[in-house]
Amino acid sequence: MKSTLLLFVLLAMATASFGQKLKKVTLDRVVGCLMTTEVFHVKPDQPEIRQGEYKETTRFFEVKGQYENGVKAGVWEYSNRREVVQRYDFTNKKVVTSVPSSGPVKSWILDDEGNVVRELNEMPLYLGGPSHFYSYFGPCLRFPEEASAKKKGGIVTIMVVINKQGKLVNPTVTDDPGYGYADVALQAVKGIPNEWIPYAVDGKAVDVRMEIKANFSFGR
């Protein structure tokens, strides 16, 4: 009798677990200066763990993918709302397809002491590509009050390091035109999500120093 009762309880638990439906969540939030809408699913008893289909939409781009127990899995697609610009396989940690960047970017491979090993002159891989990166960066580049009043433009140059862990660190202004532009550009860089894939040489992740320019100009 006890064995029969135990078997019934176990079957009931298994059926309940198997039949558990995912809860759909829609989340509107501001990332940096960009409004995004995320749609994903969670288990009712584990709302902090994402599971199944995921979609993120902004006025500039769209991202689609899958979560498995809170971890990005399989091939994710990144589009500029017109065409897919990148596919990245999170399970195998490799790029499937990616549209080339529009032009060279000044960058350098560093050794463990931070010394330049050689020029790279390409942008380390950002999930979604350069267009995705600048979609976060551009909306934050607003004219400071003094510059706007005097109609003074300028270009800010910032050096950053994309480290072995895929994080943007040590942002430093190296060219400041004044009028408060440097502070605006620096805050814009700091607001970009860390979605970098570490650059690798012979299969080993390395630090890369990269130049970022913020161009502030008034139309004629």
Protein backbone atom coordinates (compact mmCIF):
# COMPACT_ATOMS: atom_id res chain seq x y z
CA MET A 1 0.00 0.00 0.00
CA LYS A 2 2.81 2.40 0.96
CA SER A 3 4.69 1.54 -2.24
CA THR A 4 1.59 2.22 -4.33
CA LEU A 5 1.01 5.56 -2.58
CA LEU A 6 4.65 6.61 -3.06
CA LEU A 7 4.50 5.71 -6.76
CA PHE A 8 1.31 7.76 -7.15
CA VAL A 9 2.93 10.81 -5.50
CA LEU A 10 6.03 10.54 -7.69
CA LEU A 11 3.92 10.25 -10.84
CA ALA A 12 1.86 13.27 -9.81
CA MET A 13 5.01 15.33 -9.21
CA ALA A 14 6.49 14.29 -12.55
CA THR A 15 3.26 15.15 -14.37
CA ALA A 16 3.07 18.57 -12.70
CA SER A 17 6.70 19.30 -13.57
CA PHE A 18 6.28 18.15 -17.16
CA GLY A 19 3.12 20.18 -17.63
CA GLN A 20 4.53 23.37 -16.12
CA LYS A 21 4.15 26.26 -18.55
CA LEU A 22 6.65 29.06 -19.01
CA LYS A 23 5.64 32.57 -18.06
CA LYS A 24 6.05 35.27 -20.73
CA VAL A 25 7.72 38.49 -19.58
CA THR A 26 7.87 41.82 -21.44
CA LEU A 27 10.44 44.25 -20.06
CA ASP A 28 10.91 47.85 -21.21
CA ARG A 29 14.14 49.44 -19.99
CA VAL A 30 16.77 52.02 -20.87
CA VAL A 31 20.25 50.69 -21.63
CA GLY A 32 22.70 53.57 -21.73
CA CYS A 33 20.53 56.12 -23.57
CA LEU A 34 18.62 53.59 -25.67
CA MET A 35 15.11 52.32 -24.93
CA THR A 36 14.82 48.56 -25.42
CA THR A 37 11.97 46.07 -25.19
CA GLU A 38 12.81 42.51 -24.16
CA VAL A 39 10.42 39.57 -24.46
CA PHE A 40 11.46 36.32 -22.79
CA HIS A 41 10.13 33.41 -20.74
CA VAL A 42 10.75 32.12 -17.22
CA LYS A 43 9.52 29.21 -15.12
CA PRO A 44 6.82 30.33 -12.65
CA ASP A 45 8.76 28.90 -9.71
CA GLN A 46 12.12 30.30 -10.94
CA PRO A 47 11.39 33.84 -12.24
CA GLU A 48 15.08 34.77 -12.18
CA ILE A 49 16.02 32.07 -14.73
CA ARG A 50 15.25 32.68 -18.39
CA GLN A 51 14.21 29.73 -20.53
CA GLY A 52 13.29 29.38 -24.20
CA GLU A 53 12.78 32.08 -26.82
CA TYR A 54 14.20 35.58 -26.36
CA LYS A 55 13.73 38.76 -28.39
CA GLU A 56 15.06 42.30 -27.91
CA THR A 57 13.87 45.22 -30.02
CA THR A 58 15.01 48.84 -30.30
CA ARG A 59 14.50 51.49 -32.97
CA PHE A 60 17.89 50.52 -34.41
CA PHE A 61 18.22 46.74 -34.11
CA GLU A 62 16.64 43.42 -33.19
CA VAL A 63 18.09 40.39 -31.39
CA LYS A 64 16.66 36.85 -31.37
CA GLY A 65 17.90 33.78 -29.54
CA GLN A 66 17.31 31.05 -26.98
CA TYR A 67 18.05 30.58 -23.28
CA GLU A 68 18.66 27.24 -21.59
CA ASN A 69 18.44 27.45 -17.80
CA GLY A 70 19.43 31.12 -17.80
CA VAL A 71 22.32 30.71 -20.24
CA LYS A 72 22.40 31.90 -23.86
CA ALA A 73 22.47 28.84 -26.12
CA GLY A 74 22.49 27.98 -29.80
CA VAL A 75 22.73 30.51 -32.62
CA TRP A 76 21.60 34.07 -31.92
CA GLU A 77 20.70 36.50 -34.71
CA TYR A 78 21.45 40.23 -34.69
CA SER A 79 19.81 42.46 -37.29
CA ASN A 80 19.70 46.17 -38.08
CA ARG A 81 15.91 45.93 -38.61
CA ARG A 82 16.52 45.40 -42.35
CA GLU A 83 18.86 42.42 -42.56
CA VAL A 84 20.77 40.02 -40.33
CA VAL A 85 24.26 41.43 -39.73
CA GLN A 86 25.60 38.72 -37.44
CA ARG A 87 24.93 35.20 -36.20
CA TYR A 88 26.81 33.98 -33.13
CA ASP A 89 26.79 30.41 -31.78
CA PHE A 90 26.87 30.64 -27.97
CA THR A 91 26.98 26.87 -27.52
CA ASN A 92 30.17 26.48 -29.56
CA LYS A 93 31.42 30.04 -28.91
CA LYS A 94 32.03 31.01 -32.52
CA VAL A 95 30.85 33.46 -35.17
CA VAL A 96 28.64 31.83 -37.80
CA THR A 97 28.27 34.88 -40.07
CA SER A 98 29.13 38.55 -39.70
CA VAL A 99 28.92 41.57 -42.00
CA PRO A 100 32.37 43.25 -42.28
CA SER A 101 32.81 46.60 -40.53
CA SER A 102 32.54 49.70 -42.70
CA GLY A 103 36.17 50.73 -42.25
CA PRO A 104 39.38 50.30 -40.26
CA VAL A 105 39.50 51.12 -36.55
CA LYS A 106 42.76 52.01 -34.83
CA SER A 107 43.58 49.22 -32.39
CA TRP A 108 46.60 47.43 -30.95
CA ILE A 109 47.24 44.03 -29.38
CA LEU A 110 48.79 44.33 -25.90
CA ASP A 111 50.97 41.98 -23.88
CA ASP A 112 50.33 41.09 -20.23
CA GLU A 113 52.17 44.25 -19.10
CA GLY A 114 50.08 46.52 -21.32
CA ASN A 115 52.78 47.10 -23.93
CA VAL A 116 51.88 47.20 -27.63
CA VAL A 117 52.77 43.97 -29.44
CA ARG A 118 51.50 44.98 -32.87
CA GLU A 119 48.85 46.98 -34.68
CA LEU A 120 45.52 45.26 -35.22
CA ASN A 121 43.52 48.05 -36.91
CA GLU A 122 40.19 46.31 -36.66
CA MET A 123 37.41 46.44 -34.11
CA PRO A 124 37.31 43.54 -31.64
CA LEU A 125 34.12 41.54 -32.12
CA TYR A 126 31.07 43.18 -30.58
CA LEU A 127 27.90 41.10 -30.49
CA GLY A 128 25.71 42.53 -33.24
CA GLY A 129 28.67 44.16 -34.97
CA PRO A 130 29.74 47.83 -35.18
CA SER A 131 26.19 48.99 -35.97
CA HIS A 132 24.97 47.45 -32.71
CA PHE A 133 27.82 49.11 -30.80
CA TYR A 134 27.15 52.57 -32.25
CA SER A 135 23.40 52.18 -31.66
CA TYR A 136 24.20 52.32 -27.94
CA PHE A 137 26.91 54.96 -28.28
CA GLY A 138 25.31 57.48 -30.65
CA PRO A 139 22.11 58.39 -28.75
CA CYS A 140 24.18 59.49 -25.73
CA LEU A 141 26.21 62.04 -27.72
CA ARG A 142 24.27 65.17 -26.86
CA PHE A 143 25.54 68.72 -27.15
CA PRO A 144 26.63 70.33 -23.87
CA GLU A 145 24.86 73.60 -23.07
CA GLU A 146 27.90 75.84 -23.63
CA ALA A 147 28.80 74.22 -26.96
CA SER A 148 25.20 74.42 -28.16
CA ALA A 149 24.96 78.12 -27.29
CA LYS A 150 28.17 78.93 -29.17
CA LYS A 151 27.54 76.46 -32.02
CA LYS A 152 30.96 74.96 -31.41
CA GLY A 153 31.57 71.40 -32.60
CA GLY A 154 34.46 69.09 -31.90
CA ILE A 155 35.86 65.55 -31.94
CA VAL A 156 36.65 63.64 -28.76
CA THR A 157 39.13 60.75 -28.90
CA ILE A 158 38.93 58.07 -26.23
CA MET A 159 41.25 55.11 -25.74
CA VAL A 160 39.79 51.95 -24.19
CA VAL A 161 40.97 48.41 -23.55
CA ILE A 162 38.87 45.35 -24.40
CA ASN A 163 40.36 42.86 -21.97
CA LYS A 164 40.70 39.08 -21.99
CA GLN A 165 37.33 38.74 -20.24
CA GLY A 166 35.52 40.73 -22.95
CA LYS A 167 35.08 43.84 -20.79
CA LEU A 168 35.67 47.46 -21.83
CA VAL A 169 38.00 48.98 -19.22
CA ASN A 170 40.22 52.02 -18.65
CA PRO A 171 38.42 54.56 -20.90
CA THR A 172 40.75 57.57 -21.19
CA VAL A 173 40.24 60.83 -23.09
CA THR A 174 43.27 61.56 -25.28
CA ASP A 175 41.89 64.46 -27.34
CA ASP A 176 39.49 66.98 -25.78
CA PRO A 177 38.09 69.94 -27.78
CA GLY A 178 36.63 71.46 -24.62
CA TYR A 179 33.09 72.82 -24.07
CA GLY A 180 32.20 69.75 -21.97
CA TYR A 181 32.37 67.32 -24.88
CA ALA A 182 34.86 64.99 -23.17
CA ASP A 183 32.53 64.32 -20.22
CA VAL A 184 29.60 63.56 -22.55
CA ALA A 185 31.65 61.17 -24.70
CA LEU A 186 33.19 59.43 -21.68
CA GLN A 187 29.80 58.79 -20.10
CA ALA A 188 28.50 57.48 -23.44
CA VAL A 189 31.37 54.97 -23.64
CA LYS A 190 30.81 53.83 -20.05
CA GLY A 191 27.12 53.22 -20.81
CA ILE A 192 27.77 50.72 -23.62
CA PRO A 193 26.87 47.14 -22.54
CA ASN A 194 29.86 44.80 -22.23
CA GLU A 195 29.00 42.41 -25.05
CA TRP A 196 32.50 41.95 -26.46
CA ILE A 197 34.06 38.68 -27.58
CA PRO A 198 37.71 38.67 -26.44
CA TYR A 199 40.21 38.86 -29.30
CA ALA A 200 42.31 35.71 -29.55
CA VAL A 201 45.79 35.05 -30.94
CA ASP A 202 46.58 31.37 -31.55
CA GLY A 203 43.55 30.46 -29.46
CA LYS A 204 44.61 32.60 -26.48
CA ALA A 205 42.61 35.66 -25.40
CA VAL A 206 44.56 38.93 -25.37
CA ASP A 207 43.95 42.54 -24.36
CA VAL A 208 43.28 45.01 -27.19
CA ARG A 209 43.57 48.79 -26.98
CA MET A 210 41.11 50.58 -29.25
CA GLU A 211 40.45 54.17 -30.28
CA ILE A 212 36.88 55.51 -30.21
CA LYS A 213 36.00 58.87 -31.73
CA ALA A 214 32.92 60.94 -30.92
CA ASN A 215 32.17 63.55 -33.58
CA PHE A 216 29.98 66.48 -32.53
CA SER A 217 29.01 68.73 -35.44
CA PHE A 218 26.31 71.27 -36.23
CA GLY A 219 24.50 71.04 -39.55
CA ARG A 220 24.71 74.01 -41.86
